[in-house]
N, C-alpha and C. Protein backbone atom coordinates (compact mmCIF):
# COMPACT_ATOMS: atom_id res chain seq x y z
N MET A 1 -37.00 18.24 -7.22
CA MET A 1 -35.98 17.91 -6.23
C MET A 1 -34.69 17.52 -6.96
N ALA A 2 -33.58 18.03 -6.51
CA ALA A 2 -32.29 17.76 -7.14
C ALA A 2 -31.76 16.37 -6.76
N LYS A 3 -31.07 15.77 -7.71
CA LYS A 3 -30.38 14.51 -7.43
C LYS A 3 -29.32 14.76 -6.36
N ALA A 4 -28.81 13.67 -5.79
CA ALA A 4 -27.73 13.76 -4.80
C ALA A 4 -26.65 12.77 -5.20
N TYR A 5 -25.43 13.08 -4.79
CA TYR A 5 -24.29 12.24 -5.15
C TYR A 5 -23.48 11.92 -3.90
N TRP A 6 -23.19 10.65 -3.73
CA TRP A 6 -22.37 10.13 -2.64
C TRP A 6 -21.00 9.90 -3.28
N ILE A 7 -20.00 10.57 -2.77
CA ILE A 7 -18.65 10.47 -3.31
C ILE A 7 -17.74 9.94 -2.22
N SER A 8 -17.09 8.82 -2.50
CA SER A 8 -16.13 8.23 -1.57
C SER A 8 -14.75 8.27 -2.22
N THR A 9 -13.77 8.75 -1.47
CA THR A 9 -12.38 8.67 -1.94
C THR A 9 -11.58 7.93 -0.88
N TYR A 10 -10.77 7.03 -1.34
CA TYR A 10 -9.98 6.17 -0.45
C TYR A 10 -8.53 6.65 -0.45
N ARG A 11 -8.10 7.23 0.64
CA ARG A 11 -6.72 7.72 0.75
C ARG A 11 -5.74 6.57 0.88
N SER A 12 -6.16 5.53 1.62
CA SER A 12 -5.30 4.35 1.74
C SER A 12 -6.17 3.14 2.09
N VAL A 13 -5.69 1.98 1.65
CA VAL A 13 -6.35 0.71 1.98
C VAL A 13 -5.32 -0.13 2.71
N LYS A 14 -5.58 -0.35 3.99
CA LYS A 14 -4.65 -1.12 4.82
C LYS A 14 -5.03 -2.60 4.89
N ASN A 15 -6.33 -2.90 4.65
CA ASN A 15 -6.80 -4.28 4.72
C ASN A 15 -7.70 -4.56 3.52
N PRO A 16 -7.11 -5.02 2.40
CA PRO A 16 -7.89 -5.28 1.19
C PRO A 16 -8.98 -6.34 1.39
N ASP A 17 -8.74 -7.32 2.26
CA ASP A 17 -9.75 -8.35 2.51
C ASP A 17 -10.99 -7.76 3.18
N ALA A 18 -10.78 -6.86 4.13
CA ALA A 18 -11.91 -6.21 4.79
C ALA A 18 -12.66 -5.32 3.80
N LEU A 19 -11.94 -4.65 2.91
CA LEU A 19 -12.59 -3.82 1.89
C LEU A 19 -13.42 -4.69 0.95
N ALA A 20 -12.92 -5.85 0.59
CA ALA A 20 -13.67 -6.76 -0.28
C ALA A 20 -14.94 -7.26 0.42
N ALA A 21 -14.84 -7.60 1.70
CA ALA A 21 -16.01 -8.04 2.47
C ALA A 21 -17.04 -6.92 2.57
N TYR A 22 -16.55 -5.70 2.79
CA TYR A 22 -17.42 -4.53 2.84
C TYR A 22 -18.15 -4.35 1.51
N GLY A 23 -17.41 -4.44 0.41
CA GLY A 23 -17.99 -4.25 -0.92
C GLY A 23 -19.09 -5.23 -1.24
N LYS A 24 -18.93 -6.48 -0.82
CA LYS A 24 -19.95 -7.51 -1.06
C LYS A 24 -21.26 -7.18 -0.36
N LEU A 25 -21.18 -6.48 0.77
CA LEU A 25 -22.38 -6.10 1.51
C LEU A 25 -22.87 -4.70 1.16
N ALA A 26 -21.94 -3.79 0.94
CA ALA A 26 -22.30 -2.38 0.71
C ALA A 26 -23.00 -2.18 -0.63
N SER A 27 -22.50 -2.79 -1.69
CA SER A 27 -23.09 -2.58 -3.02
C SER A 27 -24.57 -2.94 -3.06
N PRO A 28 -24.97 -4.14 -2.61
CA PRO A 28 -26.41 -4.45 -2.65
C PRO A 28 -27.23 -3.59 -1.68
N ALA A 29 -26.65 -3.22 -0.54
CA ALA A 29 -27.38 -2.37 0.42
C ALA A 29 -27.64 -0.99 -0.18
N ILE A 30 -26.64 -0.43 -0.84
CA ILE A 30 -26.78 0.89 -1.45
C ILE A 30 -27.75 0.84 -2.63
N THR A 31 -27.64 -0.18 -3.45
CA THR A 31 -28.55 -0.34 -4.58
C THR A 31 -29.99 -0.51 -4.10
N ALA A 32 -30.18 -1.33 -3.07
CA ALA A 32 -31.53 -1.54 -2.52
C ALA A 32 -32.13 -0.25 -1.96
N ALA A 33 -31.27 0.66 -1.53
CA ALA A 33 -31.73 1.94 -0.98
C ALA A 33 -31.91 3.00 -2.07
N GLY A 34 -31.77 2.61 -3.33
CA GLY A 34 -32.01 3.55 -4.42
C GLY A 34 -30.77 4.13 -5.06
N GLY A 35 -29.60 3.71 -4.64
CA GLY A 35 -28.36 4.23 -5.20
C GLY A 35 -28.03 3.60 -6.54
N LYS A 36 -27.45 4.40 -7.42
CA LYS A 36 -27.01 3.94 -8.74
C LYS A 36 -25.51 4.24 -8.87
N PHE A 37 -24.70 3.21 -8.99
CA PHE A 37 -23.26 3.39 -9.11
C PHE A 37 -22.95 3.96 -10.49
N LEU A 38 -22.31 5.12 -10.50
CA LEU A 38 -21.96 5.78 -11.76
C LEU A 38 -20.50 5.56 -12.13
N ALA A 39 -19.62 5.48 -11.13
CA ALA A 39 -18.20 5.29 -11.40
C ALA A 39 -17.52 4.68 -10.18
N ARG A 40 -16.53 3.82 -10.43
CA ARG A 40 -15.71 3.22 -9.37
C ARG A 40 -14.32 2.97 -9.93
N GLY A 41 -13.31 3.24 -9.15
CA GLY A 41 -11.96 2.90 -9.56
C GLY A 41 -10.97 4.03 -9.35
N ILE A 42 -9.82 3.86 -9.95
CA ILE A 42 -8.75 4.86 -9.88
C ILE A 42 -8.98 5.86 -11.01
N PRO A 43 -8.90 7.17 -10.73
CA PRO A 43 -9.11 8.16 -11.79
C PRO A 43 -8.13 7.99 -12.95
N ALA A 44 -8.59 8.28 -14.14
CA ALA A 44 -7.72 8.25 -15.31
C ALA A 44 -6.67 9.35 -15.22
N PHE A 45 -7.07 10.50 -14.66
CA PHE A 45 -6.18 11.64 -14.48
C PHE A 45 -6.53 12.33 -13.17
N ALA A 46 -5.56 12.96 -12.56
CA ALA A 46 -5.80 13.82 -11.39
C ALA A 46 -5.13 15.16 -11.68
N LYS A 47 -5.87 16.22 -11.58
CA LYS A 47 -5.38 17.55 -11.93
C LYS A 47 -5.44 18.48 -10.72
N GLU A 48 -4.64 19.51 -10.73
CA GLU A 48 -4.67 20.61 -9.76
C GLU A 48 -4.65 20.13 -8.31
N GLY A 49 -3.69 19.30 -7.99
CA GLY A 49 -3.54 18.82 -6.61
C GLY A 49 -4.35 17.58 -6.31
N GLY A 50 -5.11 17.08 -7.29
CA GLY A 50 -5.88 15.85 -7.08
C GLY A 50 -4.96 14.65 -6.93
N LEU A 51 -5.48 13.61 -6.33
CA LEU A 51 -4.70 12.40 -6.08
C LEU A 51 -5.30 11.23 -6.84
N LEU A 52 -4.47 10.33 -7.29
CA LEU A 52 -4.94 9.13 -7.97
C LEU A 52 -5.31 8.09 -6.90
N GLU A 53 -6.46 8.31 -6.28
CA GLU A 53 -6.93 7.40 -5.24
C GLU A 53 -8.29 6.85 -5.64
N ARG A 54 -8.56 5.64 -5.19
CA ARG A 54 -9.84 4.98 -5.51
C ARG A 54 -10.99 5.93 -5.18
N THR A 55 -11.92 6.06 -6.13
CA THR A 55 -13.06 6.95 -5.99
C THR A 55 -14.32 6.19 -6.39
N VAL A 56 -15.41 6.44 -5.66
CA VAL A 56 -16.70 5.84 -5.97
C VAL A 56 -17.72 6.97 -6.04
N LEU A 57 -18.53 6.96 -7.10
CA LEU A 57 -19.57 7.98 -7.29
C LEU A 57 -20.91 7.27 -7.43
N ILE A 58 -21.86 7.62 -6.55
CA ILE A 58 -23.18 6.98 -6.53
C ILE A 58 -24.24 8.07 -6.61
N GLU A 59 -25.23 7.87 -7.45
CA GLU A 59 -26.32 8.83 -7.62
C GLU A 59 -27.56 8.35 -6.86
N PHE A 60 -28.24 9.31 -6.21
CA PHE A 60 -29.51 9.07 -5.53
C PHE A 60 -30.51 10.11 -6.01
N ASP A 61 -31.78 9.85 -5.79
CA ASP A 61 -32.82 10.80 -6.17
C ASP A 61 -32.84 12.04 -5.29
N SER A 62 -32.28 11.94 -4.07
CA SER A 62 -32.28 13.09 -3.16
C SER A 62 -31.22 12.90 -2.09
N VAL A 63 -30.89 13.99 -1.41
CA VAL A 63 -29.97 13.93 -0.28
C VAL A 63 -30.56 13.03 0.81
N ALA A 64 -31.86 13.17 1.06
CA ALA A 64 -32.50 12.35 2.10
C ALA A 64 -32.36 10.86 1.79
N GLN A 65 -32.50 10.49 0.52
CA GLN A 65 -32.37 9.09 0.14
C GLN A 65 -30.94 8.60 0.35
N ALA A 66 -29.95 9.42 0.03
CA ALA A 66 -28.55 9.05 0.23
C ALA A 66 -28.24 8.90 1.72
N GLU A 67 -28.74 9.82 2.51
CA GLU A 67 -28.52 9.73 3.96
C GLU A 67 -29.20 8.50 4.55
N ALA A 68 -30.39 8.18 4.05
CA ALA A 68 -31.10 6.98 4.52
C ALA A 68 -30.32 5.72 4.15
N ALA A 69 -29.70 5.71 2.98
CA ALA A 69 -28.89 4.56 2.57
C ALA A 69 -27.72 4.38 3.53
N TYR A 70 -27.06 5.48 3.88
CA TYR A 70 -25.92 5.40 4.80
C TYR A 70 -26.36 4.90 6.17
N ALA A 71 -27.57 5.26 6.60
CA ALA A 71 -28.08 4.88 7.92
C ALA A 71 -28.79 3.53 7.91
N SER A 72 -28.92 2.89 6.75
CA SER A 72 -29.68 1.63 6.66
C SER A 72 -28.98 0.49 7.39
N ASP A 73 -29.78 -0.48 7.78
CA ASP A 73 -29.24 -1.65 8.47
C ASP A 73 -28.25 -2.41 7.58
N GLY A 74 -28.57 -2.53 6.30
CA GLY A 74 -27.67 -3.24 5.38
C GLY A 74 -26.32 -2.57 5.27
N TYR A 75 -26.31 -1.23 5.22
CA TYR A 75 -25.03 -0.53 5.12
C TYR A 75 -24.27 -0.59 6.44
N LYS A 76 -25.01 -0.58 7.55
CA LYS A 76 -24.35 -0.72 8.86
C LYS A 76 -23.62 -2.06 8.96
N GLU A 77 -24.22 -3.11 8.39
CA GLU A 77 -23.56 -4.42 8.36
C GLU A 77 -22.28 -4.37 7.52
N ALA A 78 -22.34 -3.64 6.42
CA ALA A 78 -21.15 -3.49 5.58
C ALA A 78 -20.05 -2.77 6.34
N LEU A 79 -20.41 -1.75 7.09
CA LEU A 79 -19.41 -1.02 7.89
C LEU A 79 -18.78 -1.91 8.95
N LYS A 80 -19.59 -2.80 9.54
CA LYS A 80 -19.03 -3.76 10.51
C LYS A 80 -18.00 -4.65 9.85
N ALA A 81 -18.29 -5.12 8.63
CA ALA A 81 -17.35 -5.98 7.90
C ALA A 81 -16.07 -5.23 7.57
N LEU A 82 -16.19 -3.92 7.30
CA LEU A 82 -15.02 -3.10 7.00
C LEU A 82 -14.14 -2.95 8.24
N GLY A 83 -14.78 -2.81 9.40
CA GLY A 83 -14.02 -2.67 10.64
C GLY A 83 -13.36 -1.31 10.75
N THR A 84 -12.57 -1.17 11.78
CA THR A 84 -11.86 0.09 12.00
C THR A 84 -10.41 -0.04 11.58
N GLY A 85 -9.91 1.00 10.96
CA GLY A 85 -8.52 1.03 10.57
C GLY A 85 -8.20 0.29 9.28
N SER A 86 -9.22 -0.27 8.62
CA SER A 86 -8.98 -1.01 7.38
C SER A 86 -8.71 -0.10 6.19
N VAL A 87 -9.39 1.05 6.19
CA VAL A 87 -9.20 2.03 5.13
C VAL A 87 -9.22 3.42 5.74
N GLU A 88 -8.61 4.34 5.03
CA GLU A 88 -8.75 5.76 5.35
C GLU A 88 -9.47 6.35 4.15
N ARG A 89 -10.68 6.89 4.40
CA ARG A 89 -11.47 7.41 3.28
C ARG A 89 -12.27 8.62 3.70
N ASP A 90 -12.81 9.25 2.70
CA ASP A 90 -13.63 10.46 2.85
C ASP A 90 -14.92 10.19 2.11
N ILE A 91 -16.06 10.33 2.80
CA ILE A 91 -17.36 10.18 2.15
C ILE A 91 -18.09 11.51 2.25
N ARG A 92 -18.61 11.96 1.12
CA ARG A 92 -19.39 13.21 1.06
C ARG A 92 -20.67 12.95 0.29
N ILE A 93 -21.74 13.56 0.76
CA ILE A 93 -23.02 13.53 0.05
C ILE A 93 -23.32 14.97 -0.33
N ILE A 94 -23.48 15.20 -1.63
CA ILE A 94 -23.74 16.56 -2.10
C ILE A 94 -24.99 16.57 -2.97
N GLU A 95 -25.66 17.70 -2.97
CA GLU A 95 -26.83 17.88 -3.82
C GLU A 95 -26.39 18.28 -5.21
N GLY A 96 -27.06 17.73 -6.21
CA GLY A 96 -26.75 18.07 -7.59
C GLY A 96 -27.16 19.50 -7.92
N ALA A 97 -26.54 20.04 -8.94
CA ALA A 97 -26.83 21.41 -9.37
C ALA A 97 -28.14 21.48 -10.13
């Protein structure tokens, strides 16, 4: 079974306090669900139309495990702390090659 990767890119952060509250809940919820944080932060470089926006890369053993992490009660609590309109982001879950 191929690994899976959860990739989050943050286009804008309108409420840094809500993002911090989300992070305090999301990180342990994702880790408890089997996620391994591989990278977090602003890219060192952005090429070919890429943007220097906050990016998070998390590895899971499978797509199903990543989807279960997103649907978990712990992650739902983190989303509540984030609220609506606090950030504009894109989350993708992809299967590894």
